[in-house]
């Protein structure tokens, strides 16, 4: 299972979250992206403690796709420094893992699945 990762990404609102999720799945950068609304983040930014209501994206992919996924998120994300954090998956149902691996692949021109 050492090739499977879940990438955590925060977004400021539903519109950004939906756009990012669709792009990642459509482009084969993730097999699935779950959007969890209603989280609150507390963090330090430029010397000040900030509080923000956000959406959490959980992108299921393979480690080999992380760099391309992170590049895509940075290109579309409104934050200067978006959260893009990969967590290794240590165990998974084999059928789910096989599906995830098959879907987290680059999309060629003209592919419709």
PDB file of N, CA and C in Angstrom:
ATOM      1  N   UNK A   1       0.811  -1.208   0.000  1.00  0.00           N
ATOM      2  CA  UNK A   1       0.000   0.000   0.000  1.00  0.00           C
ATOM      3  C   UNK A   1       0.847   1.262   0.000  1.00  0.00           C
ATOM      4  N   UNK A   2       2.167   1.140  -0.036  1.00  0.00           N
ATOM      5  CA  UNK A   2       3.003   2.322   0.116  1.00  0.00           C
ATOM      6  C   UNK A   2       2.887   3.303  -1.039  1.00  0.00           C
ATOM      7  N   UNK A   3       2.161   2.975  -2.098  1.00  0.00           N
ATOM      8  CA  UNK A   3       1.979   3.925  -3.203  1.00  0.00           C
ATOM      9  C   UNK A   3       0.708   4.748  -3.074  1.00  0.00           C
ATOM     10  N   UNK A   4      -0.161   4.431  -2.128  1.00  0.00           N
ATOM     11  CA  UNK A   4      -1.429   5.153  -1.970  1.00  0.00           C
ATOM     12  C   UNK A   4      -1.270   6.295  -0.967  1.00  0.00           C
ATOM     13  N   UNK A   5      -1.848   7.458  -1.306  1.00  0.00           N
ATOM     14  CA  UNK A   5      -1.839   8.588  -0.387  1.00  0.00           C
ATOM     15  C   UNK A   5      -3.196   9.269  -0.408  1.00  0.00           C
ATOM     16  N   UNK A   6      -3.512   9.927   0.705  1.00  0.00           N
ATOM     17  CA  UNK A   6      -4.659  10.817   0.773  1.00  0.00           C
ATOM     18  C   UNK A   6      -4.084  12.219   0.936  1.00  0.00           C
ATOM     19  N   UNK A   7      -4.466  13.121   0.054  1.00  0.00           N
ATOM     20  CA  UNK A   7      -3.941  14.482   0.089  1.00  0.00           C
ATOM     21  C   UNK A   7      -5.010  15.399   0.663  1.00  0.00           C
ATOM     22  N   UNK A   8      -4.630  16.108   1.716  1.00  0.00           N
ATOM     23  CA  UNK A   8      -5.533  17.054   2.366  1.00  0.00           C
ATOM     24  C   UNK A   8      -5.281  18.445   1.806  1.00  0.00           C
ATOM     25  N   UNK A   9      -6.356  19.088   1.395  1.00  0.00           N
ATOM     26  CA  UNK A   9      -6.293  20.426   0.816  1.00  0.00           C
ATOM     27  C   UNK A   9      -7.421  21.229   1.435  1.00  0.00           C
ATOM     28  N   UNK A  10      -7.147  22.439   1.889  1.00  0.00           N
ATOM     29  CA  UNK A  10      -8.225  23.286   2.372  1.00  0.00           C
ATOM     30  C   UNK A  10      -8.574  24.316   1.301  1.00  0.00           C
ATOM     31  N   UNK A  11      -9.834  24.726   1.297  1.00  0.00           N
ATOM     32  CA  UNK A  11     -10.331  25.721   0.346  1.00  0.00           C
ATOM     33  C   UNK A  11     -11.211  26.711   1.098  1.00  0.00           C
ATOM     34  N   UNK A  12     -11.257  27.957   0.625  1.00  0.00           N
ATOM     35  CA  UNK A  12     -12.002  28.976   1.369  1.00  0.00           C
ATOM     36  C   UNK A  12     -13.519  28.867   1.259  1.00  0.00           C
ATOM     37  N   UNK A  13     -14.016  28.186   0.207  1.00  0.00           N
ATOM     38  CA  UNK A  13     -15.466  28.119   0.034  1.00  0.00           C
ATOM     39  C   UNK A  13     -15.835  26.956  -0.881  1.00  0.00           C
ATOM     40  N   UNK A  14     -17.133  26.745  -1.037  1.00  0.00           N
ATOM     41  CA  UNK A  14     -17.632  25.626  -1.822  1.00  0.00           C
ATOM     42  C   UNK A  14     -17.256  25.727  -3.295  1.00  0.00           C
ATOM     43  N   UNK A  15     -17.267  26.920  -3.821  1.00  0.00           N
ATOM     44  CA  UNK A  15     -16.951  27.108  -5.239  1.00  0.00           C
ATOM     45  C   UNK A  15     -15.521  26.687  -5.559  1.00  0.00           C
ATOM     46  N   UNK A  16     -14.580  27.134  -4.768  1.00  0.00           N
ATOM     47  CA  UNK A  16     -13.176  26.764  -4.971  1.00  0.00           C
ATOM     48  C   UNK A  16     -13.002  25.270  -4.745  1.00  0.00           C
ATOM     49  N   UNK A  17     -13.606  24.736  -3.696  1.00  0.00           N
ATOM     50  CA  UNK A  17     -13.489  23.306  -3.397  1.00  0.00           C
ATOM     51  C   UNK A  17     -14.022  22.461  -4.545  1.00  0.00           C
ATOM     52  N   UNK A  18     -15.195  22.806  -5.060  1.00  0.00           N
ATOM     53  CA  UNK A  18     -15.799  22.043  -6.158  1.00  0.00           C
ATOM     54  C   UNK A  18     -14.953  22.127  -7.422  1.00  0.00           C
ATOM     55  N   UNK A  19     -14.436  23.313  -7.724  1.00  0.00           N
ATOM     56  CA  UNK A  19     -13.608  23.491  -8.907  1.00  0.00           C
ATOM     57  C   UNK A  19     -12.325  22.666  -8.815  1.00  0.00           C
ATOM     58  N   UNK A  20     -11.674  22.705  -7.659  1.00  0.00           N
ATOM     59  CA  UNK A  20     -10.445  21.927  -7.468  1.00  0.00           C
ATOM     60  C   UNK A  20     -10.732  20.431  -7.565  1.00  0.00           C
ATOM     61  N   UNK A  21     -11.776  19.972  -6.889  1.00  0.00           N
ATOM     62  CA  UNK A  21     -12.104  18.543  -6.889  1.00  0.00           C
ATOM     63  C   UNK A  21     -12.375  18.056  -8.306  1.00  0.00           C
ATOM     64  N   UNK A  22     -13.163  18.790  -9.053  1.00  0.00           N
ATOM     65  CA  UNK A  22     -13.492  18.391 -10.425  1.00  0.00           C
ATOM     66  C   UNK A  22     -12.245  18.341 -11.294  1.00  0.00           C
ATOM     67  N   UNK A  23     -11.382  19.331 -11.171  1.00  0.00           N
ATOM     68  CA  UNK A  23     -10.160  19.358 -11.983  1.00  0.00           C
ATOM     69  C   UNK A  23      -9.255  18.175 -11.657  1.00  0.00           C
ATOM     70  N   UNK A  24      -9.085  17.874 -10.379  1.00  0.00           N
ATOM     71  CA  UNK A  24      -8.184  16.787  -9.980  1.00  0.00           C
ATOM     72  C   UNK A  24      -8.686  15.439 -10.483  1.00  0.00           C
ATOM     73  N   UNK A  25      -9.990  15.206 -10.394  1.00  0.00           N
ATOM     74  CA  UNK A  25     -10.544  13.932 -10.864  1.00  0.00           C
ATOM     75  C   UNK A  25     -10.551  13.892 -12.391  1.00  0.00           C
ATOM     76  N   UNK A  26     -10.991  14.972 -13.021  1.00  0.00           N
ATOM     77  CA  UNK A  26     -11.078  15.012 -14.477  1.00  0.00           C
ATOM     78  C   UNK A  26      -9.716  14.785 -15.132  1.00  0.00           C
ATOM     79  N   UNK A  27      -8.666  15.307 -14.523  1.00  0.00           N
ATOM     80  CA  UNK A  27      -7.329  15.211 -15.100  1.00  0.00           C
ATOM     81  C   UNK A  27      -6.563  13.967 -14.648  1.00  0.00           C
ATOM     82  N   UNK A  28      -7.212  13.093 -13.886  1.00  0.00           N
ATOM     83  CA  UNK A  28      -6.564  11.868 -13.445  1.00  0.00           C
ATOM     84  C   UNK A  28      -5.502  12.068 -12.378  1.00  0.00           C
ATOM     85  N   UNK A  29      -5.559  13.199 -11.702  1.00  0.00           N
ATOM     86  CA  UNK A  29      -4.615  13.464 -10.623  1.00  0.00           C
ATOM     87  C   UNK A  29      -5.067  12.827  -9.314  1.00  0.00           C
ATOM     88  N   UNK A  30      -6.355  12.533  -9.225  1.00  0.00           N
ATOM     89  CA  UNK A  30      -6.934  11.847  -8.073  1.00  0.00           C
ATOM     90  C   UNK A  30      -8.060  10.960  -8.572  1.00  0.00           C
ATOM     91  N   UNK A  31      -8.248   9.839  -7.904  1.00  0.00           N
ATOM     92  CA  UNK A  31      -9.345   8.933  -8.254  1.00  0.00           C
ATOM     93  C   UNK A  31     -10.663   9.442  -7.689  1.00  0.00           C
ATOM     94  N   UNK A  32     -10.594  10.098  -6.545  1.00  0.00           N
ATOM     95  CA  UNK A  32     -11.776  10.558  -5.827  1.00  0.00           C
ATOM     96  C   UNK A  32     -11.368  11.738  -4.959  1.00  0.00           C
ATOM     97  N   UNK A  33     -12.238  12.722  -4.854  1.00  0.00           N
ATOM     98  CA  UNK A  33     -12.014  13.830  -3.921  1.00  0.00           C
ATOM     99  C   UNK A  33     -13.293  14.033  -3.132  1.00  0.00           C
ATOM    100  N   UNK A  34     -13.191  13.904  -1.835  1.00  0.00           N
ATOM    101  CA  UNK A  34     -14.331  14.183  -0.959  1.00  0.00           C
ATOM    102  C   UNK A  34     -14.209  15.619  -0.458  1.00  0.00           C
ATOM    103  N   UNK A  35     -15.330  16.310  -0.399  1.00  0.00           N
ATOM    104  CA  UNK A  35     -15.364  17.684   0.099  1.00  0.00           C
ATOM    105  C   UNK A  35     -16.106  17.683   1.425  1.00  0.00           C
ATOM    106  N   UNK A  36     -15.424  18.123   2.468  1.00  0.00           N
ATOM    107  CA  UNK A  36     -15.997  18.185   3.809  1.00  0.00           C
ATOM    108  C   UNK A  36     -16.179  19.662   4.163  1.00  0.00           C
ATOM    109  N   UNK A  37     -17.419  20.163   4.116  1.00  0.00           N
ATOM    110  CA  UNK A  37     -17.636  21.574   4.450  1.00  0.00           C
ATOM    111  C   UNK A  37     -17.637  21.790   5.960  1.00  0.00           C
ATOM    112  N   UNK A  38     -17.500  23.040   6.326  1.00  0.00           N
ATOM    113  CA  UNK A  38     -17.733  23.412   7.722  1.00  0.00           C
ATOM    114  C   UNK A  38     -16.599  23.151   8.681  1.00  0.00           C
ATOM    115  N   UNK A  39     -15.360  23.223   8.214  1.00  0.00           N
ATOM    116  CA  UNK A  39     -14.257  23.117   9.172  1.00  0.00           C
ATOM    117  C   UNK A  39     -13.808  24.526   9.537  1.00  0.00           C
ATOM    118  N   UNK A  40     -13.195  24.664  10.670  1.00  0.00           N
ATOM    119  CA  UNK A  40     -12.637  25.946  11.092  1.00  0.00           C
ATOM    120  C   UNK A  40     -11.153  25.737  11.348  1.00  0.00           C
ATOM    121  N   UNK A  41     -10.337  26.553  10.691  1.00  0.00           N
ATOM    122  CA  UNK A  41      -8.886  26.484  10.853  1.00  0.00           C
ATOM    123  C   UNK A  41      -8.404  27.667  11.687  1.00  0.00           C
ATOM    124  N   UNK A  42      -7.506  27.390  12.618  1.00  0.00           N
ATOM    125  CA  UNK A  42      -6.850  28.418  13.426  1.00  0.00           C
ATOM    126  C   UNK A  42      -5.367  28.275  13.144  1.00  0.00           C
ATOM    127  N   UNK A  43      -4.734  29.341  12.686  1.00  0.00           N
ATOM    128  CA  UNK A  43      -3.343  29.261  12.252  1.00  0.00           C
ATOM    129  C   UNK A  43      -2.678  30.633  12.380  1.00  0.00           C
ATOM    130  N   UNK A  44      -1.370  30.637  12.329  1.00  0.00           N
ATOM    131  CA  UNK A  44      -0.618  31.885  12.368  1.00  0.00           C
ATOM    132  C   UNK A  44      -0.218  32.241  10.942  1.00  0.00           C
ATOM    133  N   UNK A  45      -0.503  33.478  10.529  1.00  0.00           N
ATOM    134  CA  UNK A  45      -0.136  33.959   9.199  1.00  0.00           C
ATOM    135  C   UNK A  45       0.384  35.388   9.335  1.00  0.00           C
ATOM    136  N   UNK A  46       1.596  35.598   8.873  1.00  0.00           N
ATOM    137  CA  UNK A  46       2.242  36.906   8.914  1.00  0.00           C
ATOM    138  C   UNK A  46       2.184  37.516  10.311  1.00  0.00           C
ATOM    139  N   UNK A  47       2.485  36.683  11.313  1.00  0.00           N
ATOM    140  CA  UNK A  47       2.589  37.134  12.693  1.00  0.00           C
ATOM    141  C   UNK A  47       1.288  37.253  13.456  1.00  0.00           C
ATOM    142  N   UNK A  48       0.160  36.998  12.822  1.00  0.00           N
ATOM    143  CA  UNK A  48      -1.136  37.121  13.471  1.00  0.00           C
ATOM    144  C   UNK A  48      -1.845  35.773  13.522  1.00  0.00           C
ATOM    145  N   UNK A  49      -2.572  35.538  14.600  1.00  0.00           N
ATOM    146  CA  UNK A  49      -3.404  34.342  14.671  1.00  0.00           C
ATOM    147  C   UNK A  49      -4.679  34.621  13.879  1.00  0.00           C
ATOM    148  N   UNK A  50      -4.965  33.734  12.928  1.00  0.00           N
ATOM    149  CA  UNK A  50      -6.123  33.871  12.049  1.00  0.00           C
ATOM    150  C   UNK A  50      -7.101  32.730  12.308  1.00  0.00           C
ATOM    151  N   UNK A  51      -8.357  32.976  12.038  1.00  0.00           N
ATOM    152  CA  UNK A  51      -9.401  31.959  12.111  1.00  0.00           C
ATOM    153  C   UNK A  51     -10.173  32.032  10.799  1.00  0.00           C
ATOM    154  N   UNK A  52     -10.339  30.878  10.151  1.00  0.00           N
ATOM    155  CA  UNK A  52     -11.045  30.869   8.866  1.00  0.00           C
ATOM    156  C   UNK A  52     -11.971  29.663   8.783  1.00  0.00           C
ATOM    157  N   UNK A  53     -13.171  29.889   8.293  1.00  0.00           N
ATOM    158  CA  UNK A  53     -14.076  28.791   7.967  1.00  0.00           C
ATOM    159  C   UNK A  53     -13.687  28.305   6.580  1.00  0.00           C
ATOM    160  N   UNK A  54     -13.515  26.998   6.444  1.00  0.00           N
ATOM    161  CA  UNK A  54     -13.013  26.433   5.201  1.00  0.00           C
ATOM    162  C   UNK A  54     -13.724  25.130   4.870  1.00  0.00           C
ATOM    163  N   UNK A  55     -13.393  24.604   3.704  1.00  0.00           N
ATOM    164  CA  UNK A  55     -13.793  23.267   3.270  1.00  0.00           C
ATOM    165  C   UNK A  55     -12.517  22.434   3.203  1.00  0.00           C
ATOM    166  N   UNK A  56     -12.616  21.175   3.583  1.00  0.00           N
ATOM    167  CA  UNK A  56     -11.483  20.257   3.514  1.00  0.00           C
ATOM    168  C   UNK A  56     -11.704  19.296   2.357  1.00  0.00           C
ATOM    169  N   UNK A  57     -10.718  19.196   1.482  1.00  0.00           N
ATOM    170  CA  UNK A  57     -10.748  18.230   0.398  1.00  0.00           C
ATOM    171  C   UNK A  57      -9.851  17.068   0.761  1.00  0.00           C
ATOM    172  N   UNK A  58     -10.343  15.851   0.547  1.00  0.00           N
ATOM    173  CA  UNK A  58      -9.574  14.624   0.781  1.00  0.00           C
ATOM    174  C   UNK A  58      -9.436  13.933  -0.562  1.00  0.00           C
ATOM    175  N   UNK A  59      -8.265  14.079  -1.174  1.00  0.00           N
ATOM    176  CA  UNK A  59      -8.016  13.540  -2.512  1.00  0.00           C
ATOM    177  C   UNK A  59      -7.290  12.207  -2.402  1.00  0.00           C
ATOM    178  N   UNK A  60      -7.873  11.166  -2.995  1.00  0.00           N
ATOM    179  CA  UNK A  60      -7.267   9.831  -2.991  1.00  0.00           C
ATOM    180  C   UNK A  60      -6.469   9.673  -4.274  1.00  0.00           C
ATOM    181  N   UNK A  61      -5.168   9.382  -4.136  1.00  0.00           N
ATOM    182  CA  UNK A  61      -4.307   9.259  -5.307  1.00  0.00           C
ATOM    183  C   UNK A  61      -3.132   8.347  -4.993  1.00  0.00           C
ATOM    184  N   UNK A  62      -2.183   8.313  -5.913  1.00  0.00           N
ATOM    185  CA  UNK A  62      -0.963   7.541  -5.714  1.00  0.00           C
ATOM    186  C   UNK A  62       0.198   8.518  -5.537  1.00  0.00           C
ATOM    187  N   UNK A  63       1.203   8.088  -4.800  1.00  0.00           N
ATOM    188  CA  UNK A  63       2.328   8.967  -4.477  1.00  0.00           C
ATOM    189  C   UNK A  63       2.990   9.536  -5.728  1.00  0.00           C
ATOM    190  N   UNK A  64       3.044   8.767  -6.794  1.00  0.00           N
ATOM    191  CA  UNK A  64       3.679   9.228  -8.028  1.00  0.00           C
ATOM    192  C   UNK A  64       2.947  10.411  -8.652  1.00  0.00           C
ATOM    193  N   UNK A  65       1.700  10.650  -8.307  1.00  0.00           N
ATOM    194  CA  UNK A  65       0.914  11.755  -8.858  1.00  0.00           C
ATOM    195  C   UNK A  65       0.930  12.999  -7.955  1.00  0.00           C
ATOM    196  N   UNK A  66       1.580  12.902  -6.775  1.00  0.00           N
ATOM    197  CA  UNK A  66       1.531  14.004  -5.821  1.00  0.00           C
ATOM    198  C   UNK A  66       2.078  15.305  -6.401  1.00  0.00           C
ATOM    199  N   UNK A  67       3.240  15.287  -7.016  1.00  0.00           N
ATOM    200  CA  UNK A  67       3.837  16.530  -7.516  1.00  0.00           C
ATOM    201  C   UNK A  67       2.935  17.211  -8.541  1.00  0.00           C
ATOM    202  N   UNK A  68       2.380  16.452  -9.462  1.00  0.00           N
ATOM    203  CA  UNK A  68       1.484  17.030 -10.470  1.00  0.00           C
ATOM    204  C   UNK A  68       0.208  17.552  -9.820  1.00  0.00           C
ATOM    205  N   UNK A  69      -0.326  16.811  -8.848  1.00  0.00           N
ATOM    206  CA  UNK A  69      -1.517  17.252  -8.124  1.00  0.00           C
ATOM    207  C   UNK A  69      -1.229  18.562  -7.396  1.00  0.00           C
ATOM    208  N   UNK A  70      -0.114  18.636  -6.696  1.00  0.00           N
ATOM    209  CA  UNK A  70       0.237  19.842  -5.947  1.00  0.00           C
ATOM    210  C   UNK A  70       0.417  21.035  -6.888  1.00  0.00           C
ATOM    211  N   UNK A  71       1.045  20.805  -8.028  1.00  0.00           N
ATOM    212  CA  UNK A  71       1.223  21.880  -9.014  1.00  0.00           C
ATOM    213  C   UNK A  71      -0.130  22.400  -9.498  1.00  0.00           C
ATOM    214  N   UNK A  72      -1.043  21.504  -9.761  1.00  0.00           N
ATOM    215  CA  UNK A  72      -2.381  21.891 -10.239  1.00  0.00           C
ATOM    216  C   UNK A  72      -3.132  22.679  -9.178  1.00  0.00           C
ATOM    217  N   UNK A  73      -3.053  22.234  -7.928  1.00  0.00           N
ATOM    218  CA  UNK A  73      -3.722  22.947  -6.839  1.00  0.00           C
ATOM    219  C   UNK A  73      -3.135  24.349  -6.700  1.00  0.00           C
ATOM    220  N   UNK A  74      -1.812  24.458  -6.684  1.00  0.00           N
ATOM    221  CA  UNK A  74      -1.187  25.780  -6.550  1.00  0.00           C
ATOM    222  C   UNK A  74      -1.600  26.720  -7.688  1.00  0.00           C
ATOM    223  N   UNK A  75      -1.745  26.191  -8.895  1.00  0.00           N
ATOM    224  CA  UNK A  75      -2.112  27.014 -10.050  1.00  0.00           C
ATOM    225  C   UNK A  75      -3.529  27.574  -9.937  1.00  0.00           C
ATOM    226  N   UNK A  76      -4.436  26.836  -9.283  1.00  0.00           N
ATOM    227  CA  UNK A  76      -5.845  27.231  -9.212  1.00  0.00           C
ATOM    228  C   UNK A  76      -6.280  27.827  -7.878  1.00  0.00           C
ATOM    229  N   UNK A  77      -5.447  27.698  -6.869  1.00  0.00           N
ATOM    230  CA  UNK A  77      -5.866  28.044  -5.506  1.00  0.00           C
ATOM    231  C   UNK A  77      -5.692  29.534  -5.227  1.00  0.00           C
ATOM    232  N   UNK A  78      -6.657  30.160  -4.538  1.00  0.00           N
ATOM    233  CA  UNK A  78      -6.532  31.590  -4.237  1.00  0.00           C
ATOM    234  C   UNK A  78      -5.558  31.917  -3.100  1.00  0.00           C
ATOM    235  N   UNK A  79      -5.181  30.935  -2.276  1.00  0.00           N
ATOM    236  CA  UNK A  79      -4.266  31.207  -1.163  1.00  0.00           C
ATOM    237  C   UNK A  79      -2.829  31.334  -1.663  1.00  0.00           C
ATOM    238  N   UNK A  80      -2.037  32.169  -0.999  1.00  0.00           N
ATOM    239  CA  UNK A  80      -0.605  32.268  -1.306  1.00  0.00           C
ATOM    240  C   UNK A  80       0.100  30.946  -1.028  1.00  0.00           C
ATOM    241  N   UNK A  81      -0.278  30.307   0.075  1.00  0.00           N
ATOM    242  CA  UNK A  81       0.323  29.037   0.482  1.00  0.00           C
ATOM    243  C   UNK A  81      -0.797  28.066   0.855  1.00  0.00           C
ATOM    244  N   UNK A  82      -1.345  27.352  -0.133  1.00  0.00           N
ATOM    245  CA  UNK A  82      -2.431  26.416   0.189  1.00  0.00           C
ATOM    246  C   UNK A  82      -1.913  25.190   0.932  1.00  0.00           C
ATOM    247  N   UNK A  83      -2.772  24.634   1.767  1.00  0.00           N
ATOM    248  CA  UNK A  83      -2.440  23.362   2.415  1.00  0.00           C
ATOM    249  C   UNK A  83      -2.534  22.260   1.363  1.00  0.00           C
ATOM    250  N   UNK A  84      -1.434  21.544   1.182  1.00  0.00           N
ATOM    251  CA  UNK A  84      -1.382  20.378   0.299  1.00  0.00           C
ATOM    252  C   UNK A  84      -0.525  19.362   1.051  1.00  0.00           C
ATOM    253  N   UNK A  85      -1.164  18.437   1.734  1.00  0.00           N
ATOM    254  CA  UNK A  85      -0.492  17.568   2.679  1.00  0.00           C
ATOM    255  C   UNK A  85      -0.840  16.116   2.396  1.00  0.00           C
ATOM    256  N   UNK A  86       0.156  15.330   2.010  1.00  0.00           N
ATOM    257  CA  UNK A  86      -0.084  13.919   1.684  1.00  0.00           C
ATOM    258  C   UNK A  86       0.110  13.044   2.919  1.00  0.00           C
ATOM    259  N   UNK A  87      -0.857  12.187   3.156  1.00  0.00           N
ATOM    260  CA  UNK A  87      -0.831  11.230   4.258  1.00  0.00           C
ATOM    261  C   UNK A  87      -0.747   9.831   3.652  1.00  0.00           C
ATOM    262  N   UNK A  88       0.258   9.050   4.006  1.00  0.00           N
ATOM    263  CA  UNK A  88       0.342   7.697   3.437  1.00  0.00           C
ATOM    264  C   UNK A  88      -0.796   6.808   3.921  1.00  0.00           C
ATOM    265  N   UNK A  89      -1.276   5.963   3.019  1.00  0.00           N
ATOM    266  CA  UNK A  89      -2.295   4.972   3.356  1.00  0.00           C
ATOM    267  C   UNK A  89      -1.563   3.679   3.685  1.00  0.00           C
ATOM    268  N   UNK A  90      -1.763   3.174   4.881  1.00  0.00           N
ATOM    269  CA  UNK A  90      -1.053   1.959   5.276  1.00  0.00           C
ATOM    270  C   UNK A  90      -1.840   0.694   4.990  1.00  0.00           C
ATOM    271  N   UNK A  91      -3.161   0.799   4.932  1.00  0.00           N
ATOM    272  CA  UNK A  91      -4.014  -0.361   4.666  1.00  0.00           C
ATOM    273  C   UNK A  91      -5.210   0.076   3.834  1.00  0.00           C
ATOM    274  N   UNK A  92      -5.654  -0.811   2.960  1.00  0.00           N
ATOM    275  CA  UNK A  92      -6.819  -0.531   2.137  1.00  0.00           C
ATOM    276  C   UNK A  92      -7.410  -1.839   1.655  1.00  0.00           C
ATOM    277  N   UNK A  93      -8.688  -1.818   1.371  1.00  0.00           N
ATOM    278  CA  UNK A  93      -9.303  -2.940   0.692  1.00  0.00           C
ATOM    279  C   UNK A  93      -8.626  -3.067  -0.676  1.00  0.00           C
ATOM    280  N   UNK A  94      -8.243  -4.275  -1.064  1.00  0.00           N
ATOM    281  CA  UNK A  94      -7.506  -4.480  -2.317  1.00  0.00           C
ATOM    282  C   UNK A  94      -8.286  -4.033  -3.542  1.00  0.00           C
ATOM    283  N   UNK A  95      -9.583  -4.284  -3.573  1.00  0.00           N
ATOM    284  CA  UNK A  95     -10.383  -3.868  -4.723  1.00  0.00           C
ATOM    285  C   UNK A  95     -10.405  -2.343  -4.838  1.00  0.00           C
ATOM    286  N   UNK A  96     -10.545  -1.657  -3.701  1.00  0.00           N
ATOM    287  CA  UNK A  96     -10.532  -0.192  -3.718  1.00  0.00           C
ATOM    288  C   UNK A  96      -9.164   0.319  -4.151  1.00  0.00           C
ATOM    289  N   UNK A  97      -8.110  -0.277  -3.630  1.00  0.00           N
ATOM    290  CA  UNK A  97      -6.750   0.138  -3.991  1.00  0.00           C
ATOM    291  C   UNK A  97      -6.504  -0.042  -5.488  1.00  0.00           C
ATOM    292  N   UNK A  98      -6.957  -1.143  -6.056  1.00  0.00           N
ATOM    293  CA  UNK A  98      -6.787  -1.384  -7.495  1.00  0.00           C
ATOM    294  C   UNK A  98      -7.555  -0.341  -8.295  1.00  0.00           C
ATOM    295  N   UNK A  99      -8.785  -0.029  -7.877  1.00  0.00           N
ATOM    296  CA  UNK A  99      -9.567   0.997  -8.558  1.00  0.00           C
ATOM    297  C   UNK A  99      -8.867   2.354  -8.469  1.00  0.00           C
ATOM    298  N   UNK A 100      -8.401   2.702  -7.282  1.00  0.00           N
ATOM    299  CA  UNK A 100      -7.714   3.976  -7.088  1.00  0.00           C
ATOM    300  C   UNK A 100      -6.502   4.077  -8.019  1.00  0.00           C
ATOM    301  N   UNK A 101      -5.692   3.038  -8.063  1.00  0.00           N
ATOM    302  CA  UNK A 101      -4.512   3.047  -8.932  1.00  0.00           C
ATOM    303  C   UNK A 101      -4.905   3.210 -10.399  1.00  0.00           C
ATOM    304  N   UNK A 102      -5.980   2.558 -10.809  1.00  0.00           N
ATOM    305  CA  UNK A 102      -6.379   2.636 -12.218  1.00  0.00           C
ATOM    306  C   UNK A 102      -6.920   4.010 -12.585  1.00  0.00           C
ATOM    307  N   UNK A 103      -7.511   4.710 -11.636  1.00  0.00           N
ATOM    308  CA  UNK A 103      -8.098   6.022 -11.919  1.00  0.00           C
ATOM    309  C   UNK A 103      -7.126   7.178 -11.752  1.00  0.00           C
ATOM    310  N   UNK A 104      -6.107   7.021 -10.941  1.00  0.00           N
ATOM    311  CA  UNK A 104      -5.130   8.093 -10.716  1.00  0.00           C
ATOM    312  C   UNK A 104      -4.039   8.000 -11.778  1.00  0.00           C
ATOM    313  N   UNK A 105      -4.455   8.223 -12.999  1.00  0.00           N
ATOM    314  CA  UNK A 105      -3.552   8.119 -14.140  1.00  0.00           C
ATOM    315  C   UNK A 105      -3.730   9.342 -15.027  1.00  0.00           C
ATOM    316  N   UNK A 106      -2.688   9.706 -15.759  1.00  0.00           N
ATOM    317  CA  UNK A 106      -2.832  10.869 -16.663  1.00  0.00           C
ATOM    318  C   UNK A 106      -3.915  10.600 -17.704  1.00  0.00           C
ATOM    319  N   UNK A 107      -4.655  11.622 -18.039  1.00  0.00           N
ATOM    320  CA  UNK A 107      -5.695  11.534 -19.052  1.00  0.00           C
ATOM    321  C   UNK A 107      -5.107  11.941 -20.395  1.00  0.00           C
ATOM    322  N   UNK A 108      -5.316  11.111 -21.387  1.00  0.00           N
ATOM    323  CA  UNK A 108      -4.843  11.452 -22.733  1.00  0.00           C
ATOM    324  C   UNK A 108      -5.937  12.211 -23.465  1.00  0.00           C
ATOM    325  N   UNK A 109      -5.537  12.929 -24.492  1.00  0.00           N
ATOM    326  CA  UNK A 109      -6.507  13.706 -25.279  1.00  0.00           C
ATOM    327  C   UNK A 109      -7.548  12.771 -25.866  1.00  0.00           C
ATOM    328  N   UNK A 110      -8.799  13.152 -25.746  1.00  0.00           N
ATOM    329  CA  UNK A 110      -9.876  12.370 -26.333  1.00  0.00           C
ATOM    330  C   UNK A 110     -10.422  11.279 -25.437  1.00  0.00           C
ATOM    331  N   UNK A 111      -9.797  11.019 -24.279  1.00  0.00           N
ATOM    332  CA  UNK A 111     -10.310   9.999 -23.377  1.00  0.00           C
ATOM    333  C   UNK A 111     -11.576  10.504 -22.716  1.00  0.00           C
ATOM    334  N   UNK A 112     -12.568   9.654 -22.613  1.00  0.00           N
ATOM    335  CA  UNK A 112     -13.862  10.099 -22.099  1.00  0.00           C
ATOM    336  C   UNK A 112     -14.285   9.437 -20.806  1.00  0.00           C
ATOM    337  N   UNK A 113     -13.467   8.619 -20.187  1.00  0.00           N
ATOM    338  CA  UNK A 113     -13.918   7.965 -18.948  1.00  0.00           C
ATOM    339  C   UNK A 113     -13.495   8.676 -17.717  1.00  0.00           C
TER     340      UNK A 113
END
